[in-house]
N, C-alpha and C. Protein backbone atom coordinates (compact mmCIF):
# COMPACT_ATOMS: atom_id res chain seq x y z
N MET A 1 74.89 -5.70 -71.50
CA MET A 1 75.20 -4.40 -72.09
C MET A 1 76.69 -4.32 -72.30
N LYS A 2 77.09 -3.83 -73.46
CA LYS A 2 78.49 -3.62 -73.78
C LYS A 2 78.77 -2.13 -73.66
N ILE A 3 79.85 -1.77 -72.98
CA ILE A 3 80.20 -0.37 -72.76
C ILE A 3 81.65 -0.15 -73.16
N ASP A 4 81.88 0.78 -74.11
CA ASP A 4 83.22 1.11 -74.58
C ASP A 4 83.50 2.58 -74.32
N LEU A 5 84.71 2.89 -73.89
CA LEU A 5 85.12 4.26 -73.65
C LEU A 5 85.70 4.87 -74.92
N LYS A 6 85.28 6.10 -75.23
CA LYS A 6 85.76 6.80 -76.42
C LYS A 6 86.05 8.25 -76.04
N GLU A 7 87.13 8.79 -76.58
CA GLU A 7 87.45 10.21 -76.42
C GLU A 7 87.02 10.95 -77.67
N ILE A 8 86.32 12.07 -77.48
CA ILE A 8 85.99 12.93 -78.62
C ILE A 8 86.33 14.36 -78.25
N THR A 9 86.58 15.17 -79.24
CA THR A 9 86.89 16.58 -78.98
C THR A 9 85.61 17.40 -79.05
N VAL A 10 85.68 18.59 -78.45
CA VAL A 10 84.57 19.53 -78.57
C VAL A 10 84.34 19.86 -80.03
N ARG A 11 85.40 19.96 -80.80
CA ARG A 11 85.29 20.24 -82.24
C ARG A 11 84.38 19.20 -82.92
N ASP A 12 84.63 17.93 -82.61
CA ASP A 12 83.82 16.86 -83.20
C ASP A 12 82.38 16.89 -82.68
N LEU A 13 82.24 17.13 -81.39
CA LEU A 13 80.90 17.17 -80.79
C LEU A 13 80.05 18.28 -81.41
N ALA A 14 80.64 19.46 -81.58
CA ALA A 14 79.89 20.62 -82.07
C ALA A 14 79.69 20.63 -83.58
N GLU A 15 80.40 19.76 -84.30
CA GLU A 15 80.26 19.71 -85.75
C GLU A 15 78.81 19.35 -86.12
N GLY A 16 78.20 20.17 -86.94
CA GLY A 16 76.84 19.91 -87.40
C GLY A 16 75.78 20.13 -86.33
N TYR A 17 76.12 20.87 -85.26
CA TYR A 17 75.15 21.12 -84.19
C TYR A 17 73.95 21.90 -84.73
N GLU A 18 72.78 21.40 -84.45
CA GLU A 18 71.53 22.08 -84.82
C GLU A 18 70.52 21.86 -83.73
N ASP A 19 69.87 22.94 -83.32
CA ASP A 19 68.77 22.86 -82.36
C ASP A 19 67.51 23.27 -83.09
N ASN A 20 66.71 22.27 -83.42
CA ASN A 20 65.45 22.51 -84.13
C ASN A 20 64.26 22.43 -83.19
N ALA A 21 64.45 22.91 -81.97
CA ALA A 21 63.39 22.97 -80.95
C ALA A 21 62.68 21.62 -80.82
N GLU A 22 61.40 21.60 -81.11
CA GLU A 22 60.61 20.38 -80.94
C GLU A 22 61.01 19.26 -81.91
N GLU A 23 61.69 19.62 -82.99
CA GLU A 23 62.12 18.61 -83.97
C GLU A 23 63.35 17.86 -83.51
N GLY A 24 64.05 18.40 -82.51
CA GLY A 24 65.20 17.72 -81.96
C GLY A 24 66.48 18.52 -82.04
N VAL A 25 67.50 17.98 -81.40
CA VAL A 25 68.81 18.61 -81.34
C VAL A 25 69.83 17.55 -81.74
N VAL A 26 70.71 17.89 -82.68
CA VAL A 26 71.72 16.94 -83.15
C VAL A 26 73.10 17.58 -83.13
N GLY A 27 74.11 16.74 -83.11
CA GLY A 27 75.50 17.17 -83.17
C GLY A 27 76.35 16.03 -83.66
N TYR A 28 77.67 16.16 -83.48
CA TYR A 28 78.62 15.12 -83.85
C TYR A 28 78.43 14.73 -85.32
N GLY A 29 78.38 15.76 -86.16
CA GLY A 29 78.23 15.53 -87.60
C GLY A 29 76.88 14.94 -87.98
N GLY A 30 75.86 15.21 -87.17
CA GLY A 30 74.51 14.69 -87.44
C GLY A 30 74.32 13.26 -86.95
N LYS A 31 75.34 12.68 -86.32
CA LYS A 31 75.26 11.28 -85.87
C LYS A 31 74.77 11.14 -84.44
N LEU A 32 74.67 12.26 -83.69
CA LEU A 32 74.29 12.20 -82.29
C LEU A 32 72.95 12.90 -82.07
N ASP A 33 71.98 12.15 -81.58
CA ASP A 33 70.69 12.72 -81.17
C ASP A 33 70.89 13.21 -79.73
N ILE A 34 71.01 14.52 -79.59
CA ILE A 34 71.32 15.11 -78.29
C ILE A 34 70.10 15.14 -77.39
N ARG A 35 68.94 15.27 -77.97
CA ARG A 35 67.73 15.27 -77.15
C ARG A 35 66.74 14.25 -77.70
N PRO A 36 66.99 12.96 -77.44
CA PRO A 36 66.02 11.94 -77.88
C PRO A 36 64.68 12.16 -77.18
N PRO A 37 63.63 11.55 -77.67
CA PRO A 37 62.28 11.83 -77.17
C PRO A 37 62.09 11.69 -75.66
N TYR A 38 62.85 10.83 -75.01
CA TYR A 38 62.66 10.62 -73.58
C TYR A 38 63.42 11.63 -72.72
N GLN A 39 64.29 12.44 -73.34
CA GLN A 39 65.07 13.40 -72.57
C GLN A 39 64.25 14.66 -72.31
N ARG A 40 64.54 15.29 -71.20
CA ARG A 40 63.90 16.56 -70.85
C ARG A 40 64.46 17.69 -71.71
N GLU A 41 63.78 18.81 -71.66
CA GLU A 41 64.26 20.00 -72.35
C GLU A 41 65.52 20.50 -71.64
N PHE A 42 66.19 21.46 -72.22
CA PHE A 42 67.38 22.06 -71.60
C PHE A 42 66.94 22.81 -70.35
N ILE A 43 67.53 22.46 -69.19
CA ILE A 43 67.08 23.08 -67.94
C ILE A 43 68.19 23.78 -67.17
N TYR A 44 69.42 23.73 -67.66
CA TYR A 44 70.50 24.39 -66.94
C TYR A 44 70.22 25.88 -66.81
N LYS A 45 70.54 26.40 -65.67
CA LYS A 45 70.50 27.84 -65.45
C LYS A 45 71.85 28.40 -65.94
N ASP A 46 71.93 29.73 -66.10
CA ASP A 46 73.15 30.36 -66.61
C ASP A 46 74.38 29.95 -65.81
N LYS A 47 74.25 29.90 -64.49
CA LYS A 47 75.38 29.58 -63.62
C LYS A 47 75.91 28.16 -63.91
N GLN A 48 75.01 27.21 -64.10
CA GLN A 48 75.42 25.84 -64.40
C GLN A 48 76.06 25.75 -65.79
N ARG A 49 75.45 26.40 -66.75
CA ARG A 49 75.95 26.40 -68.12
C ARG A 49 77.33 27.04 -68.17
N ASP A 50 77.49 28.18 -67.49
CA ASP A 50 78.78 28.87 -67.47
C ASP A 50 79.86 28.03 -66.78
N ALA A 51 79.47 27.27 -65.75
CA ALA A 51 80.43 26.41 -65.05
C ALA A 51 80.98 25.33 -65.98
N VAL A 52 80.16 24.83 -66.89
CA VAL A 52 80.63 23.83 -67.86
C VAL A 52 81.73 24.45 -68.72
N ILE A 53 81.49 25.65 -69.23
CA ILE A 53 82.47 26.31 -70.10
C ILE A 53 83.73 26.66 -69.30
N ASP A 54 83.57 27.10 -68.06
CA ASP A 54 84.71 27.39 -67.20
C ASP A 54 85.56 26.14 -67.01
N THR A 55 84.93 25.01 -66.79
CA THR A 55 85.64 23.74 -66.64
C THR A 55 86.44 23.41 -67.88
N VAL A 56 85.83 23.59 -69.05
CA VAL A 56 86.51 23.29 -70.31
C VAL A 56 87.69 24.24 -70.52
N THR A 57 87.50 25.53 -70.28
CA THR A 57 88.58 26.50 -70.52
C THR A 57 89.75 26.30 -69.58
N LYS A 58 89.51 25.72 -68.42
CA LYS A 58 90.59 25.45 -67.47
C LYS A 58 91.21 24.07 -67.67
N ASP A 59 90.71 23.33 -68.66
CA ASP A 59 91.18 21.97 -68.93
C ASP A 59 90.96 21.02 -67.76
N PHE A 60 89.96 21.32 -66.94
CA PHE A 60 89.57 20.39 -65.89
C PHE A 60 88.70 19.31 -66.52
N PRO A 61 88.67 18.12 -65.95
CA PRO A 61 87.82 17.07 -66.54
C PRO A 61 86.34 17.27 -66.23
N LEU A 62 85.53 17.07 -67.23
CA LEU A 62 84.07 17.04 -67.05
C LEU A 62 83.68 15.60 -66.74
N ASN A 63 82.54 15.43 -66.10
CA ASN A 63 82.04 14.08 -65.87
C ASN A 63 81.88 13.35 -67.20
N VAL A 64 82.06 12.05 -67.15
CA VAL A 64 81.91 11.23 -68.34
C VAL A 64 80.46 11.31 -68.84
N MET A 65 80.30 11.17 -70.15
CA MET A 65 78.97 11.17 -70.77
C MET A 65 78.66 9.76 -71.25
N TYR A 66 77.38 9.48 -71.43
CA TYR A 66 76.94 8.16 -71.90
C TYR A 66 76.09 8.33 -73.14
N TRP A 67 76.45 7.60 -74.19
CA TRP A 67 75.67 7.59 -75.42
C TRP A 67 75.25 6.15 -75.70
N ALA A 68 74.01 6.00 -76.12
CA ALA A 68 73.53 4.69 -76.58
C ALA A 68 73.85 4.56 -78.05
N VAL A 69 74.32 3.38 -78.44
CA VAL A 69 74.58 3.09 -79.85
C VAL A 69 73.29 2.55 -80.45
N ARG A 70 72.82 3.22 -81.49
CA ARG A 70 71.59 2.79 -82.16
C ARG A 70 71.89 1.70 -83.18
N ASP A 71 70.85 1.03 -83.61
CA ASP A 71 71.00 -0.05 -84.59
C ASP A 71 71.62 0.43 -85.89
N ASP A 72 71.37 1.72 -86.25
CA ASP A 72 71.91 2.26 -87.51
C ASP A 72 73.34 2.77 -87.37
N GLY A 73 73.94 2.61 -86.19
CA GLY A 73 75.32 3.04 -85.97
C GLY A 73 75.44 4.47 -85.46
N ASN A 74 74.33 5.20 -85.41
CA ASN A 74 74.32 6.54 -84.84
C ASN A 74 74.17 6.43 -83.32
N TYR A 75 74.07 7.59 -82.64
CA TYR A 75 74.05 7.60 -81.19
C TYR A 75 72.92 8.47 -80.67
N GLU A 76 72.56 8.24 -79.40
CA GLU A 76 71.67 9.13 -78.69
C GLU A 76 72.20 9.28 -77.27
N ILE A 77 72.04 10.46 -76.73
CA ILE A 77 72.57 10.72 -75.39
C ILE A 77 71.69 10.06 -74.34
N ILE A 78 72.35 9.29 -73.47
CA ILE A 78 71.68 8.75 -72.29
C ILE A 78 71.92 9.71 -71.12
N ASP A 79 73.16 10.19 -71.00
CA ASP A 79 73.50 11.13 -69.94
C ASP A 79 74.54 12.10 -70.46
N GLY A 80 74.34 13.39 -70.17
CA GLY A 80 75.28 14.43 -70.59
C GLY A 80 74.64 15.45 -71.51
N GLN A 81 73.31 15.40 -71.63
CA GLN A 81 72.63 16.31 -72.55
C GLN A 81 72.85 17.78 -72.17
N GLN A 82 72.72 18.10 -70.89
CA GLN A 82 72.83 19.50 -70.47
C GLN A 82 74.25 20.03 -70.73
N ARG A 83 75.27 19.22 -70.44
CA ARG A 83 76.65 19.62 -70.70
C ARG A 83 76.90 19.76 -72.20
N THR A 84 76.38 18.82 -72.97
CA THR A 84 76.58 18.84 -74.42
C THR A 84 75.95 20.08 -75.04
N ILE A 85 74.72 20.38 -74.67
CA ILE A 85 74.05 21.56 -75.22
C ILE A 85 74.78 22.83 -74.79
N SER A 86 75.23 22.89 -73.53
CA SER A 86 75.96 24.07 -73.06
C SER A 86 77.21 24.31 -73.91
N ILE A 87 77.97 23.25 -74.15
CA ILE A 87 79.20 23.36 -74.94
C ILE A 87 78.87 23.79 -76.37
N CYS A 88 77.92 23.13 -76.99
CA CYS A 88 77.59 23.43 -78.39
C CYS A 88 77.01 24.83 -78.54
N GLN A 89 76.18 25.25 -77.61
CA GLN A 89 75.63 26.60 -77.68
C GLN A 89 76.72 27.65 -77.56
N TYR A 90 77.70 27.40 -76.70
CA TYR A 90 78.79 28.36 -76.55
C TYR A 90 79.60 28.45 -77.85
N VAL A 91 79.97 27.32 -78.40
CA VAL A 91 80.75 27.31 -79.64
C VAL A 91 79.95 27.97 -80.77
N GLU A 92 78.64 27.80 -80.77
CA GLU A 92 77.79 28.42 -81.80
C GLU A 92 77.59 29.93 -81.57
N GLY A 93 77.99 30.43 -80.41
CA GLY A 93 77.88 31.86 -80.14
C GLY A 93 76.57 32.28 -79.50
N ASP A 94 75.86 31.35 -78.86
CA ASP A 94 74.56 31.66 -78.26
C ASP A 94 74.65 32.44 -76.96
N PHE A 95 75.81 32.45 -76.30
CA PHE A 95 75.97 33.19 -75.06
C PHE A 95 77.44 33.50 -74.82
N SER A 96 77.70 34.36 -73.86
CA SER A 96 79.06 34.77 -73.50
C SER A 96 79.32 34.39 -72.05
N VAL A 97 80.60 34.22 -71.72
CA VAL A 97 80.99 33.90 -70.34
C VAL A 97 82.27 34.65 -69.99
N ASN A 98 82.55 34.76 -68.69
CA ASN A 98 83.81 35.32 -68.24
C ASN A 98 84.88 34.25 -68.41
N ILE A 99 85.93 34.61 -69.12
CA ILE A 99 87.04 33.67 -69.36
C ILE A 99 88.34 34.36 -68.96
N GLY A 100 89.13 33.66 -68.18
CA GLY A 100 90.42 34.20 -67.77
C GLY A 100 90.28 35.42 -66.89
N THR A 101 91.16 36.37 -67.10
CA THR A 101 91.18 37.56 -66.25
C THR A 101 90.39 38.73 -66.83
N PHE A 102 89.75 38.50 -67.97
CA PHE A 102 88.98 39.57 -68.59
C PHE A 102 87.73 39.85 -67.75
N PRO A 103 87.46 41.12 -67.46
CA PRO A 103 86.28 41.43 -66.63
C PRO A 103 84.95 41.29 -67.39
N GLU A 104 84.99 41.42 -68.70
CA GLU A 104 83.75 41.34 -69.48
C GLU A 104 83.54 39.92 -70.00
N LYS A 105 82.29 39.61 -70.26
CA LYS A 105 81.96 38.30 -70.81
C LYS A 105 82.38 38.26 -72.27
N ARG A 106 82.80 37.08 -72.70
CA ARG A 106 83.29 36.93 -74.07
C ARG A 106 82.58 35.76 -74.75
N ALA A 107 82.14 36.03 -75.97
CA ALA A 107 81.54 34.98 -76.80
C ALA A 107 82.67 34.20 -77.46
N PHE A 108 82.36 33.00 -77.90
CA PHE A 108 83.37 32.15 -78.53
C PHE A 108 84.05 32.85 -79.70
N HIS A 109 83.28 33.52 -80.55
CA HIS A 109 83.86 34.15 -81.73
C HIS A 109 84.74 35.35 -81.38
N ASN A 110 84.68 35.84 -80.13
CA ASN A 110 85.53 36.94 -79.70
C ASN A 110 86.83 36.48 -79.05
N LEU A 111 87.01 35.19 -78.93
CA LEU A 111 88.22 34.65 -78.33
C LEU A 111 89.37 34.68 -79.34
N GLN A 112 90.58 34.70 -78.82
CA GLN A 112 91.76 34.59 -79.67
C GLN A 112 91.80 33.18 -80.27
N ASN A 113 92.49 33.02 -81.38
CA ASN A 113 92.56 31.71 -82.05
C ASN A 113 93.06 30.61 -81.13
N ASP A 114 94.08 30.91 -80.32
CA ASP A 114 94.60 29.88 -79.41
C ASP A 114 93.58 29.51 -78.34
N GLU A 115 92.78 30.47 -77.91
CA GLU A 115 91.73 30.18 -76.93
C GLU A 115 90.63 29.32 -77.55
N GLN A 116 90.26 29.65 -78.78
CA GLN A 116 89.26 28.84 -79.48
C GLN A 116 89.78 27.42 -79.68
N ASP A 117 91.03 27.29 -80.10
CA ASP A 117 91.62 25.96 -80.33
C ASP A 117 91.66 25.15 -79.04
N GLN A 118 91.96 25.80 -77.92
CA GLN A 118 92.00 25.09 -76.64
C GLN A 118 90.63 24.47 -76.35
N ILE A 119 89.58 25.23 -76.58
CA ILE A 119 88.22 24.73 -76.34
C ILE A 119 87.88 23.63 -77.35
N LEU A 120 88.12 23.89 -78.62
CA LEU A 120 87.77 22.91 -79.65
C LEU A 120 88.55 21.60 -79.54
N ASN A 121 89.77 21.67 -78.99
CA ASN A 121 90.59 20.47 -78.84
C ASN A 121 90.39 19.78 -77.49
N TYR A 122 89.58 20.35 -76.62
CA TYR A 122 89.30 19.75 -75.32
C TYR A 122 88.69 18.36 -75.54
N ARG A 123 89.16 17.39 -74.77
CA ARG A 123 88.72 16.00 -74.94
C ARG A 123 87.65 15.65 -73.92
N LEU A 124 86.58 15.08 -74.43
CA LEU A 124 85.47 14.60 -73.61
C LEU A 124 85.53 13.08 -73.56
N MET A 125 85.21 12.53 -72.41
CA MET A 125 85.16 11.08 -72.25
C MET A 125 83.70 10.63 -72.41
N VAL A 126 83.49 9.69 -73.32
CA VAL A 126 82.13 9.21 -73.61
C VAL A 126 82.11 7.69 -73.53
N TYR A 127 81.16 7.16 -72.77
CA TYR A 127 80.94 5.72 -72.78
C TYR A 127 79.88 5.42 -73.83
N LEU A 128 80.21 4.55 -74.78
CA LEU A 128 79.27 4.11 -75.81
C LEU A 128 78.63 2.82 -75.32
N CYS A 129 77.31 2.84 -75.15
CA CYS A 129 76.58 1.71 -74.56
C CYS A 129 75.75 1.02 -75.64
N SER A 130 76.00 -0.27 -75.79
CA SER A 130 75.26 -1.08 -76.75
C SER A 130 74.50 -2.15 -75.98
N GLY A 131 73.28 -2.39 -76.38
CA GLY A 131 72.49 -3.43 -75.72
C GLY A 131 71.04 -3.34 -76.11
N SER A 132 70.23 -4.12 -75.44
CA SER A 132 68.79 -4.12 -75.72
C SER A 132 68.16 -2.84 -75.15
N ASP A 133 66.94 -2.56 -75.59
CA ASP A 133 66.24 -1.38 -75.09
C ASP A 133 66.07 -1.44 -73.58
N SER A 134 65.74 -2.62 -73.05
CA SER A 134 65.54 -2.73 -71.60
C SER A 134 66.85 -2.51 -70.85
N GLU A 135 67.97 -2.96 -71.41
CA GLU A 135 69.27 -2.71 -70.78
C GLU A 135 69.60 -1.21 -70.79
N LYS A 136 69.33 -0.56 -71.91
CA LYS A 136 69.59 0.88 -72.01
C LYS A 136 68.71 1.65 -71.03
N LEU A 137 67.46 1.25 -70.89
CA LEU A 137 66.56 1.90 -69.94
C LEU A 137 67.08 1.74 -68.52
N GLU A 138 67.48 0.55 -68.17
CA GLU A 138 68.00 0.31 -66.82
C GLU A 138 69.24 1.16 -66.57
N TRP A 139 70.10 1.26 -67.57
CA TRP A 139 71.29 2.08 -67.46
C TRP A 139 70.92 3.56 -67.31
N PHE A 140 69.94 4.02 -68.08
CA PHE A 140 69.45 5.39 -68.00
C PHE A 140 68.97 5.70 -66.58
N LYS A 141 68.19 4.80 -66.01
CA LYS A 141 67.68 5.00 -64.65
C LYS A 141 68.82 5.00 -63.64
N THR A 142 69.79 4.11 -63.81
CA THR A 142 70.91 4.00 -62.87
C THR A 142 71.76 5.26 -62.87
N ILE A 143 72.13 5.76 -64.04
CA ILE A 143 73.04 6.90 -64.08
C ILE A 143 72.34 8.22 -63.82
N ASN A 144 71.02 8.24 -63.82
CA ASN A 144 70.29 9.48 -63.56
C ASN A 144 69.75 9.56 -62.14
N ILE A 145 70.34 8.84 -61.20
CA ILE A 145 69.88 8.93 -59.82
C ILE A 145 70.46 10.15 -59.12
N ALA A 146 71.52 10.75 -59.69
CA ALA A 146 72.12 11.95 -59.12
C ALA A 146 71.84 13.12 -60.06
N GLY A 147 72.26 14.30 -59.66
CA GLY A 147 72.06 15.48 -60.51
C GLY A 147 70.63 15.99 -60.41
N GLU A 148 70.13 16.53 -61.51
CA GLU A 148 68.77 17.04 -61.54
C GLU A 148 67.81 15.86 -61.49
N GLU A 149 66.98 15.81 -60.47
CA GLU A 149 66.10 14.67 -60.27
C GLU A 149 65.13 14.50 -61.43
N LEU A 150 64.95 13.25 -61.84
CA LEU A 150 64.01 12.93 -62.90
C LEU A 150 62.61 12.81 -62.32
N ALA A 151 61.66 13.42 -62.98
CA ALA A 151 60.26 13.28 -62.59
C ALA A 151 59.77 11.90 -63.04
N ASP A 152 58.72 11.40 -62.39
CA ASP A 152 58.16 10.11 -62.78
C ASP A 152 57.81 10.10 -64.27
N GLN A 153 57.27 11.21 -64.79
CA GLN A 153 56.90 11.27 -66.19
C GLN A 153 58.12 11.12 -67.09
N GLU A 154 59.26 11.67 -66.68
CA GLU A 154 60.46 11.55 -67.50
C GLU A 154 60.94 10.10 -67.56
N LEU A 155 60.82 9.37 -66.47
CA LEU A 155 61.14 7.95 -66.50
C LEU A 155 60.18 7.19 -67.39
N LEU A 156 58.89 7.54 -67.31
CA LEU A 156 57.91 6.91 -68.20
C LEU A 156 58.24 7.21 -69.66
N ASN A 157 58.66 8.44 -69.94
CA ASN A 157 59.03 8.80 -71.31
C ASN A 157 60.17 7.92 -71.80
N ALA A 158 61.12 7.60 -70.92
CA ALA A 158 62.24 6.76 -71.31
C ALA A 158 61.77 5.34 -71.63
N VAL A 159 60.77 4.87 -70.89
CA VAL A 159 60.25 3.53 -71.12
C VAL A 159 59.47 3.48 -72.43
N TYR A 160 58.64 4.47 -72.66
CA TYR A 160 57.75 4.48 -73.82
C TYR A 160 58.16 5.58 -74.78
N HIS A 161 59.41 5.56 -75.22
CA HIS A 161 59.94 6.67 -75.99
C HIS A 161 59.68 6.58 -77.48
N VAL A 162 59.02 5.59 -77.93
CA VAL A 162 58.78 5.48 -79.36
C VAL A 162 57.68 6.41 -79.81
N SER A 163 56.88 6.03 -80.73
CA SER A 163 55.92 6.92 -81.38
C SER A 163 54.97 7.61 -80.41
N GLY A 164 54.62 6.99 -79.31
CA GLY A 164 53.67 7.60 -78.38
C GLY A 164 54.17 8.91 -77.81
N VAL A 165 55.41 8.96 -77.36
CA VAL A 165 55.96 10.19 -76.80
C VAL A 165 56.10 11.23 -77.90
N LEU A 166 56.54 10.80 -79.07
CA LEU A 166 56.66 11.76 -80.18
C LEU A 166 55.31 12.37 -80.51
N MET A 167 54.26 11.53 -80.51
CA MET A 167 52.93 12.03 -80.81
C MET A 167 52.47 13.00 -79.72
N LEU A 168 52.71 12.65 -78.45
CA LEU A 168 52.31 13.53 -77.36
C LEU A 168 53.03 14.86 -77.43
N LYS A 169 54.34 14.83 -77.72
CA LYS A 169 55.10 16.07 -77.83
C LYS A 169 54.59 16.92 -78.99
N ALA A 170 54.32 16.27 -80.10
CA ALA A 170 53.86 17.00 -81.29
C ALA A 170 52.49 17.62 -81.07
N ASN A 171 51.66 16.98 -80.28
CA ASN A 171 50.31 17.47 -80.07
C ASN A 171 50.12 18.20 -78.76
N SER A 172 51.21 18.42 -78.01
CA SER A 172 51.05 19.09 -76.73
C SER A 172 50.67 20.54 -76.96
N VAL A 173 49.87 21.04 -76.07
CA VAL A 173 49.43 22.42 -76.16
C VAL A 173 50.34 23.25 -75.28
N LYS A 174 50.99 24.23 -75.87
CA LYS A 174 51.83 25.13 -75.10
C LYS A 174 51.13 26.48 -75.04
N PRO A 175 51.17 27.11 -73.87
CA PRO A 175 50.54 28.42 -73.78
C PRO A 175 51.22 29.41 -74.72
N THR A 176 50.45 30.30 -75.28
CA THR A 176 50.98 31.32 -76.18
C THR A 176 50.82 32.68 -75.52
N VAL A 177 51.89 33.45 -75.49
CA VAL A 177 51.88 34.78 -74.93
C VAL A 177 51.92 35.76 -76.08
N ARG A 178 51.09 36.77 -76.05
CA ARG A 178 51.10 37.79 -77.09
C ARG A 178 51.86 38.99 -76.56
N LEU A 179 52.90 39.36 -77.27
CA LEU A 179 53.74 40.47 -76.86
C LEU A 179 53.93 41.37 -78.06
N MET A 180 53.40 42.55 -78.02
CA MET A 180 53.53 43.53 -79.09
C MET A 180 53.13 42.94 -80.44
N GLY A 181 52.05 42.15 -80.45
CA GLY A 181 51.56 41.61 -81.69
C GLY A 181 52.19 40.30 -82.10
N TRP A 182 53.25 39.88 -81.43
CA TRP A 182 53.94 38.64 -81.76
C TRP A 182 53.38 37.52 -80.89
N ALA A 183 53.16 36.37 -81.47
CA ALA A 183 52.74 35.19 -80.71
C ALA A 183 54.00 34.44 -80.30
N ILE A 184 54.15 34.24 -79.00
CA ILE A 184 55.33 33.56 -78.49
C ILE A 184 54.87 32.32 -77.74
N ASN A 185 55.34 31.14 -78.20
CA ASN A 185 55.05 29.90 -77.48
C ASN A 185 55.95 29.82 -76.28
N THR A 186 55.40 29.45 -75.15
CA THR A 186 56.21 29.35 -73.93
C THR A 186 56.41 27.90 -73.57
């Protein structure tokens, strides 16, 4: 496996960010698959998500992220999905956080230009990993031994992430809740 270190800014990461639910999540100008088929859904709680933004606003270093280099030259996240989604959602205005000495929570679009620039210019450290599928899988297992524990099924998803997992996800039955006449998938 070949591993190269690359610095990217939040601005670059959030460029072209789209969360299409079951269809996937992309960023980095459409070149980064943020939630490849073997990755779990977004599971950070508000406190964890807010801590990521707090770290960025204070210019403290975040843990390094790992991206696999695909054959077509694009990327997929091996590790760092929860941090990446937290950052992109904040920049997109999906939630507010306490920043600085202000007592109220502030959304990205409510920040002063210099505050926005500080976040957008924040540098993330990313290891770009190139190698065979089995090498990438082994790396995925190795770097995911800490943090939120992976379920056995999530490891299996990483092993068999091609069409089978996509088919299972597409055909999975999700409970539907009816609320005031609206059908809501849970």
